[in-house]
Structure formats: C-alpha cells, structure tokens
Amino acid sequence: MLFNAKIENPMLVGAIELMRQDQDPSKREAVLEEILKATFLCPATVSAPPFQGEDGQLTLPDNCDIQQKMIQDKSGRPLLMAFTSQEEMDKWLGQRAIRDFVYGFGMSFTEYADLMLQKLPDGTRGPAQGFVIDPYGCNLVVDRDMVANIMLRLLKRG
C-alpha cells in the first residue's frame, strides 16, 4: 500500500469507456487486464497524522492504524472505493466534511482482494462485499465473487 502517491489510470478509464460502448467480450477482457495493472486510490482515515520525513515526503508514524472508507451500493452492500485518480477521489471528498482527515492510499487489485477475501481471527470475512471503481464517475462495481474468480484465473496463469 502506497501512501501519498500520485495515481493516474488513463488506460483503464479508456478501456471502461470502450466497454460501455461495445459489450464485446474482448472489451471486458481489456478492462480486466487494465484493472490488474492499475494502482487505485483507496480513501482511508489514519489514527495519527502524517509528518514530513527527512526526504520532505509525508510519512505515517509506525504502528499507525489505517481504516479504509466504504460506501454502500443501492442494495446496501458495503463496497471499498477504488479511484483512478485524485480528481476522481476529489468528487467524493468534495461532498464530505471529513476531507482533512482522509488520505488516499495506492492499492493494487490484489491488495483489494486480500482485504475482501482474507479471514478475520473469528473466521469471518471483512465487511467489504467488493469495490467500486470511480463511484462518482464510471461507477464500475467488482463484487467479492468476481474478485474470487479473477484471483483463481491469476493462480491458473501462474
């Protein structure tokens, strides 16, 4: 997970736009490949404020707790958010009074998958039922079952 990284995913955004125009299976595969290559901004709150490190970059203190923010879809399922750029994340942040307390963390598809599929100490899974790419933009939902299927495909690829 990257803290305070500049994130942009123009190829993914373009692939999603093409898929929305043409439902050809090859367009869905192109979106999937771009999702696997992408690094998304995942908004989260932190238990301690960041500080400026010796290199001038913002740094989180050791043992800082990070809590990813979620939204609910129309049926009430909690979803992690995956923004393709700071501009997309700002669409969500602009509506929140908590703007100053939320930071974007760069996360890959596999990091989202780990959050959704790992078992908690009590044997249950975390609350996230999937993630939504740019919820105030393209609003593409990747649910937990899709994530599990993609992970199986990745394992078979080797």
C-alpha atoms as a PDB file:
ATOM      1  CA  MET A   1       0.000   0.000   0.000  1.00  0.00           C
ATOM      2  CA  LEU A   2       1.436   3.339  -1.068  1.00  0.00           C
ATOM      3  CA  PHE A   3       0.892   6.479   0.962  1.00  0.00           C
ATOM      4  CA  ASN A   4       0.684   9.900  -0.668  1.00  0.00           C
ATOM      5  CA  ALA A   5       1.379   8.647  -4.207  1.00  0.00           C
ATOM      6  CA  LYS A   6       0.275  10.310  -7.432  1.00  0.00           C
ATOM      7  CA  ILE A   7      -2.134   7.921  -9.156  1.00  0.00           C
ATOM      8  CA  GLU A   8      -3.477   8.090 -12.708  1.00  0.00           C
ATOM      9  CA  ASN A   9      -5.027   5.331 -14.812  1.00  0.00           C
ATOM     10  CA  PRO A  10      -5.896   6.734 -18.255  1.00  0.00           C
ATOM     11  CA  MET A  11      -5.696   3.331 -19.972  1.00  0.00           C
ATOM     12  CA  LEU A  12      -8.210   1.821 -17.536  1.00  0.00           C
ATOM     13  CA  VAL A  13     -10.578   4.773 -17.862  1.00  0.00           C
ATOM     14  CA  GLY A  14     -10.386   4.496 -21.657  1.00  0.00           C
ATOM     15  CA  ALA A  15     -10.937   0.720 -21.589  1.00  0.00           C
ATOM     16  CA  ILE A  16     -14.044   1.151 -19.407  1.00  0.00           C
ATOM     17  CA  GLU A  17     -15.430   3.784 -21.789  1.00  0.00           C
ATOM     18  CA  LEU A  18     -14.865   1.459 -24.763  1.00  0.00           C
ATOM     19  CA  MET A  19     -16.509  -1.454 -22.915  1.00  0.00           C
ATOM     20  CA  ARG A  20     -19.561   0.685 -22.137  1.00  0.00           C
ATOM     21  CA  GLN A  21     -19.912   1.493 -25.854  1.00  0.00           C
ATOM     22  CA  ASP A  22     -19.394  -2.076 -27.064  1.00  0.00           C
ATOM     23  CA  GLN A  23     -20.217  -5.137 -24.948  1.00  0.00           C
ATOM     24  CA  ASP A  24     -17.865  -7.343 -26.953  1.00  0.00           C
ATOM     25  CA  PRO A  25     -16.137  -9.879 -24.630  1.00  0.00           C
ATOM     26  CA  SER A  26     -12.732  -8.660 -25.785  1.00  0.00           C
ATOM     27  CA  LYS A  27     -13.562  -5.221 -24.353  1.00  0.00           C
ATOM     28  CA  ARG A  28     -14.381  -6.790 -20.956  1.00  0.00           C
ATOM     29  CA  GLU A  29     -11.072  -8.675 -21.067  1.00  0.00           C
ATOM     30  CA  ALA A  30      -9.237  -5.438 -21.824  1.00  0.00           C
ATOM     31  CA  VAL A  31     -10.858  -3.811 -18.773  1.00  0.00           C
ATOM     32  CA  LEU A  32      -9.877  -6.782 -16.631  1.00  0.00           C
ATOM     33  CA  GLU A  33      -6.261  -6.584 -17.807  1.00  0.00           C
ATOM     34  CA  GLU A  34      -6.148  -2.852 -17.033  1.00  0.00           C
ATOM     35  CA  ILE A  35      -7.672  -3.448 -13.575  1.00  0.00           C
ATOM     36  CA  LEU A  36      -4.890  -5.941 -12.882  1.00  0.00           C
ATOM     37  CA  LYS A  37      -2.231  -3.390 -13.937  1.00  0.00           C
ATOM     38  CA  ALA A  38      -3.800  -0.422 -12.129  1.00  0.00           C
ATOM     39  CA  THR A  39      -2.985   1.189  -8.838  1.00  0.00           C
ATOM     40  CA  PHE A  40      -6.075   2.773  -7.309  1.00  0.00           C
ATOM     41  CA  LEU A  41      -6.519   5.443  -4.674  1.00  0.00           C
ATOM     42  CA  CYS A  42      -8.295   3.950  -1.680  1.00  0.00           C
ATOM     43  CA  PRO A  43      -9.517   6.599   0.778  1.00  0.00           C
ATOM     44  CA  ALA A  44      -8.771   5.890   4.432  1.00  0.00           C
ATOM     45  CA  THR A  45      -8.548   7.565   7.785  1.00  0.00           C
ATOM     46  CA  VAL A  46      -5.445   7.210   9.931  1.00  0.00           C
ATOM     47  CA  SER A  47      -5.064   7.026  13.717  1.00  0.00           C
ATOM     48  CA  ALA A  48      -2.173   9.510  13.789  1.00  0.00           C
ATOM     49  CA  PRO A  49      -1.481  12.440  11.492  1.00  0.00           C
ATOM     50  CA  PRO A  50       1.303  12.108   8.928  1.00  0.00           C
ATOM     51  CA  PHE A  51       4.513  14.058   9.360  1.00  0.00           C
ATOM     52  CA  GLN A  52       7.085  15.361   6.925  1.00  0.00           C
ATOM     53  CA  GLY A  53      10.004  12.942   6.720  1.00  0.00           C
ATOM     54  CA  GLU A  54      13.659  13.797   6.213  1.00  0.00           C
ATOM     55  CA  ASP A  55      13.157  13.452   2.457  1.00  0.00           C
ATOM     56  CA  GLY A  56      10.382  16.069   2.541  1.00  0.00           C
ATOM     57  CA  GLN A  57       7.649  13.484   1.851  1.00  0.00           C
ATOM     58  CA  LEU A  58       4.634  12.919   4.076  1.00  0.00           C
ATOM     59  CA  THR A  59       5.153   9.799   6.173  1.00  0.00           C
ATOM     60  CA  LEU A  60       2.909   7.881   8.551  1.00  0.00           C
ATOM     61  CA  PRO A  61       4.111   7.105  12.075  1.00  0.00           C
ATOM     62  CA  ASP A  62       4.978   3.498  12.913  1.00  0.00           C
ATOM     63  CA  ASN A  63       2.024   1.461  14.212  1.00  0.00           C
ATOM     64  CA  CYS A  64      -0.473   3.874  12.643  1.00  0.00           C
ATOM     65  CA  ASP A  65      -3.894   2.258  12.183  1.00  0.00           C
ATOM     66  CA  ILE A  66      -5.440   2.684   8.743  1.00  0.00           C
ATOM     67  CA  GLN A  67      -9.204   2.336   8.206  1.00  0.00           C
ATOM     68  CA  GLN A  68     -10.404   2.152   4.608  1.00  0.00           C
ATOM     69  CA  LYS A  69     -13.592   4.087   3.875  1.00  0.00           C
ATOM     70  CA  MET A  70     -16.569   2.350   2.274  1.00  0.00           C
ATOM     71  CA  ILE A  71     -19.827   3.319   0.642  1.00  0.00           C
ATOM     72  CA  GLN A  72     -22.982   1.281   0.114  1.00  0.00           C
ATOM     73  CA  ASP A  73     -24.482   0.325  -3.197  1.00  0.00           C
ATOM     74  CA  LYS A  74     -28.226   0.592  -3.912  1.00  0.00           C
ATOM     75  CA  SER A  75     -28.880  -2.749  -2.196  1.00  0.00           C
ATOM     76  CA  GLY A  76     -26.937  -1.766   0.917  1.00  0.00           C
ATOM     77  CA  ARG A  77     -23.765  -3.790   0.303  1.00  0.00           C
ATOM     78  CA  PRO A  78     -20.614  -2.123   1.696  1.00  0.00           C
ATOM     79  CA  LEU A  79     -18.019  -1.517  -1.006  1.00  0.00           C
ATOM     80  CA  LEU A  80     -14.461  -0.257  -0.836  1.00  0.00           C
ATOM     81  CA  MET A  81     -13.750   2.650  -3.151  1.00  0.00           C
ATOM     82  CA  ALA A  82     -11.106   2.498  -5.882  1.00  0.00           C
ATOM     83  CA  PHE A  83     -10.411   5.836  -7.523  1.00  0.00           C
ATOM     84  CA  THR A  84      -8.469   6.022 -10.780  1.00  0.00           C
ATOM     85  CA  SER A  85      -7.057   9.480  -9.953  1.00  0.00           C
ATOM     86  CA  GLN A  86      -7.014  12.221  -7.324  1.00  0.00           C
ATOM     87  CA  GLU A  87      -9.520  14.115  -9.460  1.00  0.00           C
ATOM     88  CA  GLU A  88     -11.987  11.229  -9.150  1.00  0.00           C
ATOM     89  CA  MET A  89     -11.378  10.933  -5.405  1.00  0.00           C
ATOM     90  CA  ASP A  90     -11.981  14.687  -5.041  1.00  0.00           C
ATOM     91  CA  LYS A  91     -15.505  14.191  -6.447  1.00  0.00           C
ATOM     92  CA  TRP A  92     -16.236  12.080  -3.377  1.00  0.00           C
ATOM     93  CA  LEU A  93     -14.165  14.158  -0.934  1.00  0.00           C
ATOM     94  CA  GLY A  94     -15.771  17.405  -2.037  1.00  0.00           C
ATOM     95  CA  GLN A  95     -19.041  16.238  -0.507  1.00  0.00           C
ATOM     96  CA  ARG A  96     -17.523  15.342   2.867  1.00  0.00           C
ATOM     97  CA  ALA A  97     -16.774  17.421   5.950  1.00  0.00           C
ATOM     98  CA  ILE A  98     -14.031  14.881   6.805  1.00  0.00           C
ATOM     99  CA  ARG A  99     -11.859  15.916   3.854  1.00  0.00           C
ATOM    100  CA  ASP A 100      -8.923  16.939   6.066  1.00  0.00           C
ATOM    101  CA  PHE A 101      -8.840  13.563   7.820  1.00  0.00           C
ATOM    102  CA  VAL A 102      -8.939  11.296   4.752  1.00  0.00           C
ATOM    103  CA  TYR A 103      -5.851  10.256   2.801  1.00  0.00           C
ATOM    104  CA  GLY A 104      -5.532   8.303  -0.426  1.00  0.00           C
ATOM    105  CA  PHE A 105      -3.531   5.082  -0.361  1.00  0.00           C
ATOM    106  CA  GLY A 106      -2.328   3.474  -3.580  1.00  0.00           C
ATOM    107  CA  MET A 107      -3.588  -0.101  -3.750  1.00  0.00           C
ATOM    108  CA  SER A 108      -3.444  -2.799  -6.408  1.00  0.00           C
ATOM    109  CA  PHE A 109      -6.187  -5.239  -7.315  1.00  0.00           C
ATOM    110  CA  THR A 110      -4.504  -7.969  -5.251  1.00  0.00           C
ATOM    111  CA  GLU A 111      -4.428  -5.702  -2.195  1.00  0.00           C
ATOM    112  CA  TYR A 112      -8.164  -5.096  -2.560  1.00  0.00           C
ATOM    113  CA  ALA A 113      -8.656  -8.849  -2.990  1.00  0.00           C
ATOM    114  CA  ASP A 114      -6.679  -9.549   0.183  1.00  0.00           C
ATOM    115  CA  LEU A 115      -8.879  -7.143   2.155  1.00  0.00           C
ATOM    116  CA  MET A 116     -12.067  -8.752   0.880  1.00  0.00           C
ATOM    117  CA  LEU A 117     -11.111 -12.427   0.881  1.00  0.00           C
ATOM    118  CA  GLN A 118      -8.910 -12.851   3.962  1.00  0.00           C
ATOM    119  CA  LYS A 119     -10.448 -14.420   7.013  1.00  0.00           C
ATOM    120  CA  LEU A 120     -10.554 -12.448  10.241  1.00  0.00           C
ATOM    121  CA  PRO A 121      -9.411 -14.020  13.539  1.00  0.00           C
ATOM    122  CA  ASP A 122     -13.011 -15.045  14.308  1.00  0.00           C
ATOM    123  CA  GLY A 123     -13.242 -16.952  10.995  1.00  0.00           C
ATOM    124  CA  THR A 124     -15.479 -14.450   9.206  1.00  0.00           C
ATOM    125  CA  ARG A 125     -14.551 -12.223   6.307  1.00  0.00           C
ATOM    126  CA  GLY A 126     -14.340  -8.445   6.412  1.00  0.00           C
ATOM    127  CA  PRO A 127     -17.455  -6.410   5.634  1.00  0.00           C
ATOM    128  CA  ALA A 128     -16.469  -5.276   2.112  1.00  0.00           C
ATOM    129  CA  GLN A 129     -18.588  -7.041  -0.497  1.00  0.00           C
ATOM    130  CA  GLY A 130     -16.474  -5.709  -3.353  1.00  0.00           C
ATOM    131  CA  PHE A 131     -15.045  -2.469  -4.613  1.00  0.00           C
ATOM    132  CA  VAL A 132     -16.354   0.242  -6.889  1.00  0.00           C
ATOM    133  CA  ILE A 133     -14.136   1.995  -9.388  1.00  0.00           C
ATOM    134  CA  ASP A 134     -14.811   5.759  -9.515  1.00  0.00           C
ATOM    135  CA  PRO A 135     -18.217   5.730  -7.756  1.00  0.00           C
ATOM    136  CA  TYR A 136     -18.909   9.310  -8.921  1.00  0.00           C
ATOM    137  CA  GLY A 137     -17.597   8.601 -12.424  1.00  0.00           C
ATOM    138  CA  CYS A 138     -17.821   5.296 -14.301  1.00  0.00           C
ATOM    139  CA  ASN A 139     -19.191   3.544 -11.172  1.00  0.00           C
ATOM    140  CA  LEU A 140     -17.941   0.069 -12.098  1.00  0.00           C
ATOM    141  CA  VAL A 141     -18.602  -2.474  -9.322  1.00  0.00           C
ATOM    142  CA  VAL A 142     -16.337  -5.503  -8.882  1.00  0.00           C
ATOM    143  CA  ASP A 143     -18.057  -7.692  -6.293  1.00  0.00           C
ATOM    144  CA  ARG A 144     -16.471 -10.283  -3.993  1.00  0.00           C
ATOM    145  CA  ASP A 145     -17.437 -13.224  -6.244  1.00  0.00           C
ATOM    146  CA  MET A 146     -15.846 -11.524  -9.255  1.00  0.00           C
ATOM    147  CA  VAL A 147     -12.707 -10.838  -7.217  1.00  0.00           C
ATOM    148  CA  ALA A 148     -12.505 -14.511  -6.177  1.00  0.00           C
ATOM    149  CA  ASN A 149     -12.944 -15.641  -9.804  1.00  0.00           C
ATOM    150  CA  ILE A 150     -10.259 -13.238 -11.017  1.00  0.00           C
ATOM    151  CA  MET A 151      -7.877 -14.478  -8.313  1.00  0.00           C
ATOM    152  CA  LEU A 152      -8.495 -18.085  -9.448  1.00  0.00           C
ATOM    153  CA  ARG A 153      -7.708 -17.079 -13.025  1.00  0.00           C
ATOM    154  CA  LEU A 154      -4.486 -15.429 -11.862  1.00  0.00           C
ATOM    155  CA  LEU A 155      -3.460 -18.574  -9.981  1.00  0.00           C
ATOM    156  CA  LYS A 156      -4.073 -20.704 -13.073  1.00  0.00           C
ATOM    157  CA  ARG A 157      -1.945 -18.318 -15.157  1.00  0.00           C
ATOM    158  CA  GLY A 158       0.941 -18.968 -12.811  1.00  0.00           C
END
